[in-house]
């Protein structure tokens, strides 16, 4: 049976998973990555750490898989392809000759370029940017981050104009490393998150490049999400940078070169992993942030309710689009409870702490640590805990923190519903969920109660990595078509709403009131 290695480079960790052709996990490994906060509102990653942790987890997962396969008389010779998925918008700039990054990567959460984005909005450019890219003008996206690096890293702009530098989101950075610097490319889903890519023409947009003063020479080639991007040499799993250490013990059966057949931004990969190939299917990923996507088919639907139009994972040359809502702080609020408030010692303790009280006791937690994303787009909002009384405890705050994830996601689906109704399309009838926090039953039940529709958790919740594996498998012939993949999807549990719509509406009204307080300054 064919095997596929999925590399999942996320905001909080690097993860590698070996899947079999049925979508079952054979082996996996994960490492947390350090977060750097050099100034308020700034968030950075070390690009070499992103690569090294991804390389090391791949090696570990492959070694685990080799051991498991050996017991069945099989080997890593069955590895057919590599799929890559990644935190989107995070911006890396490196030298083409040495492969060395010029600076730390600017993470998607980083807000340092908000002043520049505000100037563009004041110049009346919002409609132009939205018409071309499907995005709002916001520091969230890569374009202003790349401009900042070119302007603030000594010698960067001059080197870029001479063609000496390469820019990429994390997928491009990993592809460069995997291929030993031979391939500088990205896929359409990641390109669509840069604010530099025209989702209608399928190319980098000269007007936007001029606006952000970005030389075209730094940009990667754009390919479909299921495509043979290049070959990863077995030596890249070695102990030295660039594979100089050779192939580690246990990996000798690896093919000498492995096709990199799939790349997609993490949220588009998750939609693909949830078999969301057709218009009307929606999923929500509960990770560091929360990201809800609804496939709109070959039609680039325009939102009038604060959502984004984005490219979906594209298996071939046929355009595919989705509506998207992004919550900046989802599961990261649990990290704050652990690291900031020190209310828990491990993220896994949050459910038991939250369940120790029957409800949040009137407490509302708006985790606008880096502003609010869709559908509010309030970059100057700040975190707020409201409704505190003398009876409030850390357990109430923990429950309110968990519930904030569901409140924000409900606001997204309600906005999506208004867009769908305006277009005369059928409403979303169920929400498929994935990501680390979706294993929290308390959160998933509360989500279903607020939404008023079933919330469906699949048997494989690692759908981001699974989507990358499926894309790679399509490109390499492991799967005949998307129908073969759709037949593999299975539900593990469905959460049905139990709350009256009147009570759910009352809770959402209280949430919106708390949001207004967080935005009041």
Protein backbone atom coordinates (compact mmCIF):
# COMPACT_ATOMS: atom_id res chain seq x y z
CA UNK A 1 0.00 0.00 0.00
CA UNK A 2 1.28 3.46 -0.88
CA UNK A 3 2.46 5.84 1.84
CA UNK A 4 2.43 9.64 1.80
CA UNK A 5 4.40 11.96 4.08
CA UNK A 6 2.61 15.18 5.06
CA UNK A 7 4.61 18.11 6.41
CA UNK A 8 2.41 20.43 8.48
CA UNK A 9 4.28 23.56 9.51
CA UNK A 10 1.98 25.51 11.82
CA UNK A 11 2.16 28.62 13.96
CA UNK A 12 2.74 26.77 17.22
CA UNK A 13 4.51 23.64 16.04
CA UNK A 14 5.97 21.64 13.18
CA UNK A 15 4.35 18.27 12.62
CA UNK A 16 5.00 15.39 10.23
CA UNK A 17 2.55 12.55 9.62
CA UNK A 18 2.91 9.43 7.52
CA UNK A 19 -0.46 8.35 6.07
CA UNK A 20 -1.40 5.21 4.23
CA UNK A 21 -3.59 5.40 1.13
CA UNK A 22 -6.75 4.96 3.24
CA UNK A 23 -5.97 8.13 5.17
CA UNK A 24 -4.92 6.28 8.32
CA UNK A 25 -2.04 7.63 10.39
CA UNK A 26 0.95 5.28 10.35
CA UNK A 27 3.32 7.49 12.36
CA UNK A 28 3.63 11.10 13.48
CA UNK A 29 5.97 13.47 15.28
CA UNK A 30 5.63 17.04 16.48
CA UNK A 31 7.80 19.80 17.95
CA UNK A 32 6.72 23.15 19.37
CA UNK A 33 8.46 26.17 17.90
CA UNK A 34 9.54 29.28 19.83
CA UNK A 35 7.56 32.47 19.40
CA UNK A 36 9.42 35.79 19.39
CA UNK A 37 7.74 39.04 20.48
CA UNK A 38 10.41 41.76 20.09
CA UNK A 39 7.89 44.62 20.42
CA UNK A 40 4.19 44.92 21.30
CA UNK A 41 2.18 43.69 18.32
CA UNK A 42 5.19 42.03 16.68
CA UNK A 43 5.32 38.24 16.25
CA UNK A 44 8.30 36.49 14.62
CA UNK A 45 9.67 33.02 13.89
CA UNK A 46 13.20 31.95 13.04
CA UNK A 47 12.96 30.54 9.48
CA UNK A 48 15.78 28.07 10.09
CA UNK A 49 13.96 26.78 13.17
CA UNK A 50 10.86 26.26 11.03
CA UNK A 51 12.90 24.18 8.59
CA UNK A 52 14.93 22.27 11.16
CA UNK A 53 11.92 21.30 13.28
CA UNK A 54 10.04 20.27 10.15
CA UNK A 55 13.00 18.22 8.92
CA UNK A 56 13.51 16.62 12.32
CA UNK A 57 9.86 15.68 12.80
CA UNK A 58 9.83 14.20 9.29
CA UNK A 59 12.85 12.09 10.17
CA UNK A 60 11.24 10.97 13.43
CA UNK A 61 7.92 10.10 11.77
CA UNK A 62 9.68 8.17 9.01
CA UNK A 63 11.77 6.23 11.52
CA UNK A 64 8.64 5.36 13.50
CA UNK A 65 6.91 4.30 10.30
CA UNK A 66 9.90 2.16 9.29
CA UNK A 67 9.72 0.29 12.60
CA UNK A 68 5.97 -0.26 12.33
CA UNK A 69 6.19 -1.35 8.69
CA UNK A 70 9.01 -3.79 9.39
CA UNK A 71 6.70 -5.79 11.66
CA UNK A 72 4.46 -6.32 8.62
CA UNK A 73 7.30 -7.14 6.25
CA UNK A 74 7.02 -3.75 4.57
CA UNK A 75 9.35 -0.76 4.21
CA UNK A 76 9.61 2.93 3.40
CA UNK A 77 10.12 1.99 -0.23
CA UNK A 78 6.31 2.38 -0.37
CA UNK A 79 6.61 6.15 0.16
CA UNK A 80 5.13 7.69 -2.97
CA UNK A 81 4.85 11.41 -2.32
CA UNK A 82 5.24 14.37 0.01
CA UNK A 83 2.54 16.93 0.70
CA UNK A 84 3.23 20.28 2.35
CA UNK A 85 0.84 22.49 4.28
CA UNK A 86 1.70 25.58 6.24
CA UNK A 87 0.76 28.58 8.31
CA UNK A 88 -0.27 31.13 5.72
CA UNK A 89 0.72 34.80 5.28
CA UNK A 90 3.86 34.36 7.42
CA UNK A 91 6.59 36.04 5.36
CA UNK A 92 10.13 34.78 4.74
CA UNK A 93 12.86 36.55 2.75
CA UNK A 94 16.13 34.80 1.94
CA UNK A 95 19.23 34.95 -0.27
CA UNK A 96 19.14 32.84 -3.40
CA UNK A 97 22.89 32.10 -3.34
CA UNK A 98 23.23 30.91 0.27
CA UNK A 99 19.65 30.08 1.21
CA UNK A 100 20.11 32.12 4.40
CA UNK A 101 17.16 34.19 5.66
CA UNK A 102 17.73 37.93 5.88
CA UNK A 103 15.65 38.29 9.04
CA UNK A 104 13.18 36.45 11.19
CA UNK A 105 9.92 35.54 9.49
CA UNK A 106 7.09 37.98 10.16
CA UNK A 107 4.18 35.86 11.40
CA UNK A 108 0.61 36.31 10.15
CA UNK A 109 -0.43 37.58 13.60
CA UNK A 110 2.10 40.44 13.44
CA UNK A 111 0.56 43.94 13.35
CA UNK A 112 3.61 46.14 12.70
CA UNK A 113 2.42 47.22 9.25
CA UNK A 114 -1.03 48.38 10.34
CA UNK A 115 -0.09 52.07 9.95
CA UNK A 116 0.88 51.47 6.32
CA UNK A 117 -2.34 49.54 5.70
CA UNK A 118 -4.32 52.41 7.24
CA UNK A 119 -2.67 54.83 4.79
CA UNK A 120 -3.70 52.65 1.86
CA UNK A 121 -7.26 52.54 3.17
CA UNK A 122 -7.25 56.32 3.57
CA UNK A 123 -6.11 56.60 -0.07
CA UNK A 124 -9.29 54.79 -1.11
CA UNK A 125 -7.54 51.62 -2.29
CA UNK A 126 -9.76 49.15 -0.41
CA UNK A 127 -12.12 48.51 -3.34
CA UNK A 128 -9.23 47.95 -5.79
CA UNK A 129 -7.48 45.48 -3.50
CA UNK A 130 -10.69 43.59 -2.76
CA UNK A 131 -11.66 43.40 -6.43
CA UNK A 132 -8.30 41.92 -7.40
CA UNK A 133 -7.45 39.74 -4.39
CA UNK A 134 -10.72 39.07 -2.56
CA UNK A 135 -9.03 40.40 0.59
CA UNK A 136 -9.40 43.47 2.76
CA UNK A 137 -6.38 45.71 3.30
CA UNK A 138 -4.93 44.44 6.54
CA UNK A 139 -1.57 43.77 8.17
CA UNK A 140 -2.63 40.11 8.36
CA UNK A 141 -1.55 39.48 4.76
CA UNK A 142 1.97 39.07 3.37
CA UNK A 143 2.29 42.05 1.02
CA UNK A 144 2.82 44.77 3.60
CA UNK A 145 5.10 42.46 5.60
CA UNK A 146 7.31 41.90 2.56
CA UNK A 147 7.43 45.63 1.89
CA UNK A 148 8.46 46.22 5.51
CA UNK A 149 11.33 43.71 5.23
CA UNK A 150 12.56 45.26 1.99
CA UNK A 151 12.50 48.72 3.57
CA UNK A 152 13.88 47.91 7.04
CA UNK A 153 16.49 45.16 6.54
CA UNK A 154 19.77 46.79 5.52
CA UNK A 155 20.53 46.29 1.83
CA UNK A 156 17.41 44.19 1.22
CA UNK A 157 15.74 46.40 -1.36
CA UNK A 158 18.91 46.84 -3.40
CA UNK A 159 19.59 43.09 -3.33
CA UNK A 160 15.97 42.35 -4.29
CA UNK A 161 16.15 44.68 -7.28
CA UNK A 162 19.28 42.84 -8.42
CA UNK A 163 17.36 39.55 -8.29
CA UNK A 164 19.39 38.17 -5.38
CA UNK A 165 16.51 37.55 -2.96
CA UNK A 166 13.57 35.16 -2.78
CA UNK A 167 10.31 35.74 -0.95
CA UNK A 168 7.88 33.09 0.09
CA UNK A 169 5.27 32.03 2.52
CA UNK A 170 6.37 29.05 4.61
CA UNK A 171 5.45 26.52 1.93
CA UNK A 172 7.90 28.13 -0.51
CA UNK A 173 10.61 28.23 2.16
CA UNK A 174 10.19 24.51 2.91
CA UNK A 175 10.06 23.63 -0.80
CA UNK A 176 13.32 25.51 -1.34
CA UNK A 177 14.95 23.53 1.47
CA UNK A 178 13.52 20.17 0.40
CA UNK A 179 14.81 20.61 -3.14
CA UNK A 180 18.20 21.99 -2.14
CA UNK A 181 17.38 25.42 -3.54
CA UNK A 182 16.33 24.10 -6.95
CA UNK A 183 12.66 25.15 -6.82
CA UNK A 184 11.13 28.50 -5.88
CA UNK A 185 7.37 28.05 -6.14
CA UNK A 186 4.10 28.24 -4.27
CA UNK A 187 0.55 27.10 -4.87
CA UNK A 188 -2.47 29.21 -5.72
CA UNK A 189 -3.99 28.96 -2.23
CA UNK A 190 -0.92 30.45 -0.53
CA UNK A 191 -0.43 33.03 -3.29
CA UNK A 192 -3.99 34.21 -2.76
CA UNK A 193 -3.12 35.22 0.83
CA UNK A 194 -0.34 37.66 -0.04
CA UNK A 195 -2.45 40.67 -1.17
CA UNK A 196 -0.23 40.64 -4.27
CA UNK A 197 -2.02 37.94 -6.31
CA UNK A 198 -4.97 38.50 -8.62
CA UNK A 199 -7.30 35.57 -7.96
CA UNK A 200 -9.18 36.20 -11.23
CA UNK A 201 -6.20 36.27 -13.61
CA UNK A 202 -4.23 33.68 -11.62
CA UNK A 203 -1.05 35.79 -11.62
CA UNK A 204 0.85 38.31 -9.56
CA UNK A 205 -0.71 41.73 -10.11
CA UNK A 206 1.55 44.49 -11.46
CA UNK A 207 -0.56 47.30 -9.97
CA UNK A 208 -0.37 45.78 -6.49
CA UNK A 209 3.34 45.05 -6.85
CA UNK A 210 3.87 48.72 -7.69
CA UNK A 211 1.72 49.84 -4.75
CA UNK A 212 3.75 47.76 -2.29
CA UNK A 213 7.05 48.35 -4.09
CA UNK A 214 7.73 44.63 -4.52
CA UNK A 215 10.05 43.56 -7.39
CA UNK A 216 8.52 40.70 -9.37
CA UNK A 217 11.90 38.92 -9.31
CA UNK A 218 11.51 37.99 -5.62
CA UNK A 219 8.22 36.15 -6.18
CA UNK A 220 7.79 32.38 -6.54
CA UNK A 221 6.14 30.67 -9.49
CA UNK A 222 2.48 29.83 -8.80
CA UNK A 223 1.21 26.28 -9.45
CA UNK A 224 -2.01 24.32 -8.77
CA UNK A 225 -2.15 22.78 -5.30
CA UNK A 226 -1.87 19.24 -6.70
CA UNK A 227 1.24 19.36 -8.88
CA UNK A 228 4.71 17.84 -9.02
CA UNK A 229 6.59 20.82 -7.59
CA UNK A 230 9.93 19.07 -7.45
CA UNK A 231 11.83 16.16 -5.94
CA UNK A 232 12.94 15.91 -2.33
CA UNK A 233 16.23 14.07 -2.05
CA UNK A 234 16.48 11.48 0.71
CA UNK A 235 19.60 13.23 2.03
CA UNK A 236 17.54 16.20 3.29
CA UNK A 237 16.57 14.06 6.28
CA UNK A 238 20.23 13.89 7.27
CA UNK A 239 21.77 15.41 10.37
CA UNK A 240 23.48 18.33 8.69
CA UNK A 241 21.95 21.41 7.12
CA UNK A 242 20.93 20.65 3.56
CA UNK A 243 21.42 16.93 4.11
CA UNK A 244 25.20 16.86 4.43
CA UNK A 245 24.94 14.31 7.20
CA UNK A 246 23.60 11.58 4.93
CA UNK A 247 20.58 9.36 5.48
CA UNK A 248 19.95 8.45 9.16
CA UNK A 249 19.77 4.86 10.32
CA UNK A 250 16.46 3.19 9.58
CA UNK A 251 15.71 5.31 6.54
CA UNK A 252 17.85 3.45 4.04
CA UNK A 253 14.79 2.08 2.24
CA UNK A 254 13.59 5.56 1.33
CA UNK A 255 13.42 6.26 -2.40
CA UNK A 256 16.38 8.36 -3.49
CA UNK A 257 14.03 11.10 -4.58
CA UNK A 258 10.43 11.66 -3.54
CA UNK A 259 7.95 13.78 -5.53
CA UNK A 260 6.55 16.79 -3.72
CA UNK A 261 3.08 16.49 -5.17
CA UNK A 262 0.88 18.70 -3.04
CA UNK A 263 1.09 22.14 -1.39
CA UNK A 264 -1.68 24.23 0.12
CA UNK A 265 -2.17 26.74 2.88
CA UNK A 266 -3.31 25.06 6.06
CA UNK A 267 -6.94 26.15 5.90
CA UNK A 268 -7.46 25.25 2.26
CA UNK A 269 -5.71 21.93 2.93
CA UNK A 270 -8.08 21.28 5.82
CA UNK A 271 -11.11 21.96 3.62
CA UNK A 272 -9.71 19.49 1.09
CA UNK A 273 -9.02 16.95 3.85
CA UNK A 274 -12.66 17.27 4.91
CA UNK A 275 -13.69 16.31 1.35
CA UNK A 276 -14.91 19.88 0.86
CA UNK A 277 -14.60 19.91 -2.92
CA UNK A 278 -18.01 21.30 -3.88
CA UNK A 279 -19.97 24.50 -3.35
CA UNK A 280 -21.81 24.69 -0.02
CA UNK A 281 -19.50 22.46 2.05
CA UNK A 282 -18.03 24.24 5.09
CA UNK A 283 -15.43 23.45 7.71
CA UNK A 284 -13.96 25.18 10.74
CA UNK A 285 -10.42 24.53 11.93
CA UNK A 286 -9.71 25.11 15.63
CA UNK A 287 -6.01 25.82 15.86
CA UNK A 288 -4.00 28.79 17.10
CA UNK A 289 -6.68 30.79 15.32
CA UNK A 290 -9.99 29.59 13.93
CA UNK A 291 -10.61 29.51 10.21
CA UNK A 292 -13.94 28.81 8.59
CA UNK A 293 -14.10 28.13 4.86
CA UNK A 294 -17.07 27.43 2.65
CA UNK A 295 -16.38 26.17 -0.87
CA UNK A 296 -18.08 28.25 -3.57
CA UNK A 297 -17.04 26.17 -6.60
CA UNK A 298 -15.63 27.92 -9.65
CA UNK A 299 -17.38 31.15 -8.65
CA UNK A 300 -15.45 33.78 -6.69
CA UNK A 301 -18.26 34.91 -4.40
CA UNK A 302 -18.03 38.43 -2.99
CA UNK A 303 -18.91 38.98 0.67
CA UNK A 304 -20.77 42.01 1.95
CA UNK A 305 -20.47 40.80 5.54
CA UNK A 306 -16.79 41.07 6.35
CA UNK A 307 -15.60 37.76 4.92
CA UNK A 308 -12.77 37.15 2.47
CA UNK A 309 -12.83 35.60 -0.98
CA UNK A 310 -9.90 33.24 -1.36
CA UNK A 311 -8.60 30.54 -3.65
CA UNK A 312 -9.46 27.05 -2.47
CA UNK A 313 -6.99 24.20 -2.91
CA UNK A 314 -6.88 23.72 -6.67
CA UNK A 315 -6.35 20.12 -7.84
CA UNK A 316 -5.79 21.17 -11.46
CA UNK A 317 -5.92 24.24 -13.69
CA UNK A 318 -9.64 24.80 -12.97
CA UNK A 319 -10.14 27.74 -10.58
CA UNK A 320 -11.71 26.97 -7.20
CA UNK A 321 -12.78 29.49 -4.58
CA UNK A 322 -14.04 29.75 -1.03
CA UNK A 323 -15.47 32.29 1.38
CA UNK A 324 -13.34 32.54 4.52
CA UNK A 325 -13.59 34.01 7.96
CA UNK A 326 -10.50 34.20 10.16
CA UNK A 327 -10.38 34.39 13.94
CA UNK A 328 -6.95 35.57 15.03
CA UNK A 329 -7.05 34.09 18.55
CA UNK A 330 -8.70 30.69 18.87
CA UNK A 331 -6.81 27.94 20.66
CA UNK A 332 -4.12 30.52 21.46
CA UNK A 333 -6.40 31.76 24.25
CA UNK A 334 -5.72 28.46 26.02
CA UNK A 335 -1.98 29.10 25.66
CA UNK A 336 -2.56 32.48 27.31
CA UNK A 337 -4.39 30.82 30.19
CA UNK A 338 -1.35 28.56 30.60
CA UNK A 339 1.53 30.97 29.97
CA UNK A 340 0.09 34.39 30.75
CA UNK A 341 -2.49 33.90 33.47
CA UNK A 342 -0.83 30.64 34.65
CA UNK A 343 -4.29 29.29 35.44
CA UNK A 344 -3.36 25.83 34.13
CA UNK A 345 -0.11 23.94 33.76
CA UNK A 346 -1.02 22.17 30.51
CA UNK A 347 -3.50 22.99 27.75
CA UNK A 348 -5.17 19.61 28.30
CA UNK A 349 -6.38 20.78 31.72
CA UNK A 350 -8.62 23.53 30.39
CA UNK A 351 -11.67 21.33 29.78
CA UNK A 352 -11.77 19.93 33.32
CA UNK A 353 -11.28 23.41 34.80
CA UNK A 354 -14.06 24.83 32.61
CA UNK A 355 -16.37 21.91 33.44
CA UNK A 356 -15.92 22.53 37.19
CA UNK A 357 -18.52 25.31 36.87
CA UNK A 358 -21.96 24.93 35.22
CA UNK A 359 -21.49 28.02 33.02
CA UNK A 360 -19.30 31.11 32.67
CA UNK A 361 -21.24 32.93 35.40
CA UNK A 362 -21.93 35.91 33.16
CA UNK A 363 -18.26 36.36 32.23
CA UNK A 364 -17.47 37.18 28.60
CA UNK A 365 -13.89 36.96 27.33
CA UNK A 366 -13.02 38.74 24.07
CA UNK A 367 -9.46 37.57 23.24
CA UNK A 368 -8.58 40.45 20.92
CA UNK A 369 -4.87 40.26 21.77
CA UNK A 370 -3.92 41.21 18.20
CA UNK A 371 -7.15 42.91 17.15
CA UNK A 372 -10.25 41.21 15.79
CA UNK A 373 -10.46 39.48 12.43
CA UNK A 374 -13.57 38.62 10.45
CA UNK A 375 -16.30 39.69 10.44
CA UNK A 376 -15.29 42.69 12.59
CA UNK A 377 -11.87 43.72 11.20
CA UNK A 378 -11.06 45.93 14.19
CA UNK A 379 -7.27 46.11 14.28
CA UNK A 380 -7.24 48.40 17.35
CA UNK A 381 -9.48 46.17 19.50
CA UNK A 382 -7.82 44.76 22.58
CA UNK A 383 -8.58 41.82 24.81
CA UNK A 384 -11.32 42.28 27.39
CA UNK A 385 -12.87 40.21 30.17
CA UNK A 386 -16.25 41.66 31.09
CA UNK A 387 -19.05 40.68 33.44
CA UNK A 388 -16.78 39.95 36.41
CA UNK A 389 -18.33 39.82 39.90
CA UNK A 390 -17.05 38.92 43.35
CA UNK A 391 -18.25 35.39 42.61
CA UNK A 392 -16.14 35.03 39.47
CA UNK A 393 -13.34 32.48 39.66
CA UNK A 394 -10.52 31.37 37.43
CA UNK A 395 -12.79 28.49 36.37
CA UNK A 396 -15.37 30.97 35.07
CA UNK A 397 -12.64 32.78 33.15
CA UNK A 398 -11.41 29.47 31.71
CA UNK A 399 -14.92 28.57 30.60
CA UNK A 400 -15.43 32.02 29.09
CA UNK A 401 -12.10 31.65 27.26
CA UNK A 402 -13.23 28.34 25.72
CA UNK A 403 -16.63 29.78 24.87
CA UNK A 404 -14.99 32.76 23.15
CA UNK A 405 -13.72 30.38 20.48
CA UNK A 406 -17.29 29.24 19.75
CA UNK A 407 -18.71 32.78 19.88
CA UNK A 408 -16.22 34.05 17.32
CA UNK A 409 -16.83 31.08 15.03
CA UNK A 410 -20.59 31.55 15.28
CA UNK A 411 -20.20 35.18 14.20
CA UNK A 412 -18.34 33.88 11.13
CA UNK A 413 -21.01 31.37 10.13
CA UNK A 414 -23.76 33.93 10.66
CA UNK A 415 -21.94 36.32 8.32
CA UNK A 416 -21.50 33.47 5.83
CA UNK A 417 -25.20 32.70 6.08
CA UNK A 418 -26.11 36.29 5.19
CA UNK A 419 -23.85 36.14 2.12
CA UNK A 420 -25.33 32.80 1.07
CA UNK A 421 -28.89 34.07 1.52
CA UNK A 422 -28.16 37.18 -0.56
CA UNK A 423 -26.83 34.97 -3.35
CA UNK A 424 -29.89 32.73 -3.25
CA UNK A 425 -27.80 29.64 -2.41
CA UNK A 426 -28.77 27.00 0.12
CA UNK A 427 -27.57 27.54 3.69
CA UNK A 428 -24.90 25.48 5.38
CA UNK A 429 -26.64 22.53 7.06
CA UNK A 430 -23.70 21.10 8.99
CA UNK A 431 -20.23 22.25 10.01
CA UNK A 432 -17.30 19.86 9.72
CA UNK A 433 -14.62 20.57 12.30
CA UNK A 434 -10.95 19.75 12.76
CA UNK A 435 -7.81 21.02 14.45
CA UNK A 436 -6.39 20.42 17.90
CA UNK A 437 -9.19 22.07 19.91
CA UNK A 438 -11.99 20.14 18.20
CA UNK A 439 -11.27 17.18 20.49
CA UNK A 440 -12.71 19.31 23.34
CA UNK A 441 -16.25 17.96 23.68
CA UNK A 442 -17.41 20.89 25.83
CA UNK A 443 -16.36 23.35 23.15
CA UNK A 444 -17.89 21.35 20.29
CA UNK A 445 -21.24 20.97 22.08
CA UNK A 446 -21.35 24.70 22.86
CA UNK A 447 -20.50 25.39 19.21
CA UNK A 448 -23.44 23.29 18.02
CA UNK A 449 -25.73 24.97 20.56
CA UNK A 450 -24.83 28.45 19.32
CA UNK A 451 -24.99 27.54 15.61
CA UNK A 452 -28.20 25.54 15.73
CA UNK A 453 -26.83 22.98 13.24
CA UNK A 454 -24.91 19.72 13.71
CA UNK A 455 -21.17 19.94 14.26
CA UNK A 456 -19.43 16.90 12.77
CA UNK A 457 -16.00 15.71 13.91
CA UNK A 458 -14.24 13.27 11.55
CA UNK A 459 -12.39 10.14 12.58
CA UNK A 460 -9.13 11.76 11.44
CA UNK A 461 -9.00 15.25 12.96
CA UNK A 462 -5.59 15.97 11.43
CA UNK A 463 -7.35 17.04 8.27
CA UNK A 464 -4.85 19.81 7.47
CA UNK A 465 -2.05 17.29 7.04
CA UNK A 466 -4.48 14.80 5.48
CA UNK A 467 -5.52 17.36 2.86
CA UNK A 468 -1.88 17.90 1.89
CA UNK A 469 -1.45 14.13 1.63
CA UNK A 470 -4.54 13.81 -0.56
CA UNK A 471 -3.30 16.57 -2.89
CA UNK A 472 0.08 14.85 -3.17
CA UNK A 473 -1.62 11.50 -3.77
CA UNK A 474 -3.72 12.94 -6.58
CA UNK A 475 -0.64 14.28 -8.35
CA UNK A 476 1.21 10.97 -8.10
CA UNK A 477 -1.61 8.59 -8.98
CA UNK A 478 -2.26 7.19 -5.50
CA UNK A 479 -5.86 8.42 -5.95
CA UNK A 480 -7.69 8.25 -9.25
CA UNK A 481 -9.81 11.33 -8.58
CA UNK A 482 -11.58 13.37 -5.89
CA UNK A 483 -14.45 10.88 -5.70
CA UNK A 484 -12.01 8.23 -4.45
CA UNK A 485 -10.92 10.63 -1.69
CA UNK A 486 -14.49 11.62 -0.75
CA UNK A 487 -15.32 7.96 -0.10
CA UNK A 488 -12.61 7.84 2.58
CA UNK A 489 -14.14 10.58 4.77
CA UNK A 490 -15.86 9.25 7.93
CA UNK A 491 -17.50 10.96 10.89
CA UNK A 492 -16.37 10.09 14.42
CA UNK A 493 -19.02 12.04 16.36
CA UNK A 494 -21.82 14.48 15.60
CA UNK A 495 -22.78 17.14 18.15
CA UNK A 496 -26.43 18.15 17.88
CA UNK A 497 -27.76 21.47 19.21
CA UNK A 498 -29.62 21.25 22.53
CA UNK A 499 -30.06 24.96 23.31
CA UNK A 500 -33.19 26.85 22.33
CA UNK A 501 -32.70 29.39 19.54
CA UNK A 502 -33.95 32.12 21.89
CA UNK A 503 -31.24 31.35 24.43
CA UNK A 504 -28.58 31.06 21.73
CA UNK A 505 -29.61 34.44 20.30
CA UNK A 506 -29.48 35.97 23.78
CA UNK A 507 -25.94 34.67 24.31
CA UNK A 508 -24.80 35.97 20.91
CA UNK A 509 -26.29 39.40 21.71
CA UNK A 510 -24.27 39.48 24.93
CA UNK A 511 -21.18 38.47 22.97
CA UNK A 512 -21.65 41.27 20.45
CA UNK A 513 -22.07 43.72 23.34
CA UNK A 514 -18.75 42.52 24.81
CA UNK A 515 -17.10 42.95 21.38
CA UNK A 516 -18.31 46.55 21.24
CA UNK A 517 -16.74 47.13 24.66
CA UNK A 518 -13.42 45.64 23.47
CA UNK A 519 -13.49 47.97 20.45
CA UNK A 520 -14.32 51.07 22.50
CA UNK A 521 -10.68 51.76 23.29
